[in-house]
Protein backbone atom coordinates (compact mmCIF):
# COMPACT_ATOMS: atom_id res chain seq x y z
CA MET A 1 26.19 108.77 -133.27
CA ASN A 2 24.45 105.49 -133.94
CA LEU A 3 23.73 104.79 -137.60
CA LEU A 4 20.94 102.33 -138.28
CA PRO A 5 21.59 99.43 -140.68
CA GLU A 6 19.39 100.93 -143.44
CA THR A 7 21.36 104.19 -143.29
CA ILE A 8 24.64 102.31 -143.41
CA LYS A 9 23.38 100.35 -146.42
CA ARG A 10 22.53 103.57 -148.31
CA ILE A 11 25.95 105.02 -147.54
CA TYR A 12 27.72 101.77 -148.39
CA LEU A 13 25.95 101.44 -151.75
CA SER A 14 26.75 105.05 -152.70
CA CYS A 15 30.41 105.00 -151.61
CA PRO A 16 32.41 102.25 -153.34
CA ASN A 17 35.54 102.87 -151.24
CA ILE A 18 33.89 101.73 -147.96
CA PHE A 19 34.89 98.20 -147.04
CA GLY A 20 33.85 97.96 -143.40
CA ILE A 21 32.38 99.59 -140.34
CA LYS A 22 33.26 99.80 -136.67
CA GLU A 23 29.95 98.91 -135.00
CA ALA A 24 29.81 100.23 -131.45
CA SER A 25 26.09 100.54 -130.82
CA GLY A 26 26.22 97.80 -128.18
CA ASN A 27 23.05 96.37 -129.72
CA LEU A 28 23.63 92.79 -130.89
CA THR A 29 20.27 92.70 -132.68
CA GLN A 30 21.26 95.77 -134.70
CA ILE A 31 24.70 94.30 -135.42
CA GLU A 32 23.18 91.05 -136.66
CA GLU A 33 20.73 92.99 -138.82
CA LEU A 34 23.62 94.95 -140.35
CA ILE A 35 25.61 91.79 -141.09
CA ASN A 36 22.58 90.18 -142.74
CA LEU A 37 21.47 93.32 -144.59
CA ILE A 38 24.87 93.97 -146.21
CA PRO A 39 26.76 90.67 -146.34
CA THR A 40 29.64 92.23 -148.28
CA VAL A 41 30.46 94.84 -145.62
CA LYS A 42 33.05 93.84 -143.03
CA VAL A 43 31.69 94.53 -139.55
CA PHE A 44 34.19 95.11 -136.75
CA SER A 45 33.11 95.18 -133.13
CA GLY A 46 33.71 98.56 -131.54
CA ASP A 47 33.11 97.10 -128.08
CA ASP A 48 35.80 94.86 -126.60
CA ASN A 49 33.31 93.03 -124.41
CA LEU A 50 30.99 92.20 -127.35
CA TYR A 51 33.78 90.97 -129.60
CA PRO A 52 33.05 87.23 -129.14
CA GLN A 53 29.33 87.69 -129.83
CA VAL A 54 29.95 89.87 -132.90
CA MET A 55 32.36 87.27 -134.27
CA SER A 56 29.75 84.55 -133.74
CA LEU A 57 27.28 86.63 -135.79
CA GLY A 58 29.74 86.87 -138.69
CA GLY A 59 31.82 89.88 -137.68
CA GLU A 60 35.35 90.30 -139.01
CA GLY A 61 37.23 91.47 -135.92
CA VAL A 62 37.45 94.19 -133.32
CA VAL A 63 38.66 97.77 -133.00
CA SER A 64 39.99 97.16 -129.53
CA VAL A 65 41.39 99.03 -126.56
CA LEU A 66 42.32 95.83 -124.70
CA SER A 67 44.41 94.63 -127.66
CA ASN A 68 46.97 97.28 -126.75
CA LEU A 69 47.70 95.20 -123.68
CA TYR A 70 46.71 91.67 -124.71
CA PRO A 71 46.82 91.39 -128.52
CA LYS A 72 47.30 87.61 -128.68
CA GLU A 73 44.57 86.92 -126.15
CA MET A 74 42.09 89.15 -128.00
CA LYS A 75 42.94 87.49 -131.32
CA GLU A 76 42.28 84.09 -129.76
CA ILE A 77 39.13 85.36 -127.99
CA ASN A 78 40.49 84.44 -124.57
CA LEU A 79 37.38 85.24 -122.51
CA PRO A 80 38.99 85.70 -119.06
CA VAL A 81 40.96 88.70 -120.33
CA LEU A 82 37.63 90.47 -120.96
CA GLU A 83 37.26 90.86 -117.18
CA MET A 84 39.51 93.89 -117.56
CA VAL A 85 37.19 95.72 -119.98
CA PRO A 86 35.12 97.66 -117.40
CA TYR A 87 38.33 99.13 -115.98
CA LEU A 88 39.42 100.35 -119.43
CA PHE A 89 36.41 102.64 -119.57
CA ILE A 90 36.24 103.74 -115.94
CA GLU A 91 37.16 107.19 -117.34
CA SER A 92 37.61 108.51 -120.87
CA ASN A 93 39.63 106.33 -123.23
CA PRO A 94 42.66 106.17 -123.58
CA THR A 95 43.50 107.37 -120.06
CA PRO A 96 42.86 104.05 -118.24
CA ILE A 97 44.68 101.83 -120.76
CA LYS A 98 47.69 104.15 -120.69
CA PHE A 99 47.71 103.99 -116.88
CA ILE A 100 47.58 100.17 -116.94
CA MET A 101 50.28 99.92 -119.60
CA LYS A 102 52.53 102.20 -117.55
CA GLN A 103 51.91 100.09 -114.44
CA LYS A 104 52.98 97.01 -116.40
CA GLY A 105 56.12 98.78 -117.68
CA LEU A 106 55.00 98.72 -121.32
CA ILE A 107 55.12 102.50 -121.77
CA LYS A 108 57.10 105.23 -120.01
CA THR A 109 54.36 107.76 -119.43
CA ASP A 110 50.62 107.72 -118.99
CA SER A 111 50.25 111.43 -119.73
CA VAL A 112 47.40 112.53 -121.96
CA ARG A 113 46.71 115.73 -123.89
CA LEU A 114 43.86 118.12 -123.25
CA PRO A 115 40.92 117.87 -123.19
CA LEU A 116 41.74 114.57 -121.45
CA VAL A 117 43.04 114.68 -117.91
CA THR A 118 45.09 112.36 -115.73
CA LEU A 119 43.24 109.42 -114.22
CA SER A 120 41.65 110.30 -110.87
CA GLN A 121 43.11 108.77 -107.72
CA GLU A 122 39.84 106.92 -107.12
CA SER A 123 40.02 105.27 -110.55
CA GLN A 124 43.72 104.51 -110.11
CA ASP A 125 42.92 102.75 -106.83
CA LYS A 126 40.13 100.71 -108.42
CA ILE A 127 42.36 99.66 -111.32
CA LEU A 128 45.28 98.78 -109.05
CA GLY A 129 42.94 96.73 -106.85
CA PHE A 130 41.73 94.85 -109.89
CA LEU A 131 45.26 94.31 -111.24
CA ASN A 132 46.37 92.93 -107.87
CA SER A 133 43.56 90.36 -107.91
CA PHE A 134 43.59 89.62 -111.65
CA ASN A 135 45.18 86.26 -112.55
CA GLN A 136 47.62 87.64 -115.08
CA ASP A 137 49.50 84.34 -115.17
CA LEU A 138 46.84 83.17 -117.63
CA PHE A 139 48.14 85.60 -120.22
CA GLU A 140 51.26 86.07 -122.30
CA ASN A 141 52.09 89.71 -121.45
CA ASN A 142 52.35 89.42 -117.67
């Protein structure tokens, strides 16, 4: 559910133990308004692909799926690695990232628990096609 900046401000002012928010509205105007409205709240991008823009607006960081695979590159805001983001959400998270991490030998199984299901063959094929064409030599974890 999307919370508007004014609502977040009311909650933030009434709850002293809140220090930040994962902002995943996808709306950069709303994110900028939130950062300006409550300068003491730490705003973390909830969208991997908007991370650089949120940081440029004054954001603090990112709650990231892609960081599971490329932590250093995400920390350094290495833009080419963001080409992978659409494939991470081709089906419900975390199924695609687990599939990719298994393909790269970083984890032993890509199994998920219900209500999630195994990645469809169509999505597997799309991800494998992307991985085969993706210039992974640019990144540390290849």
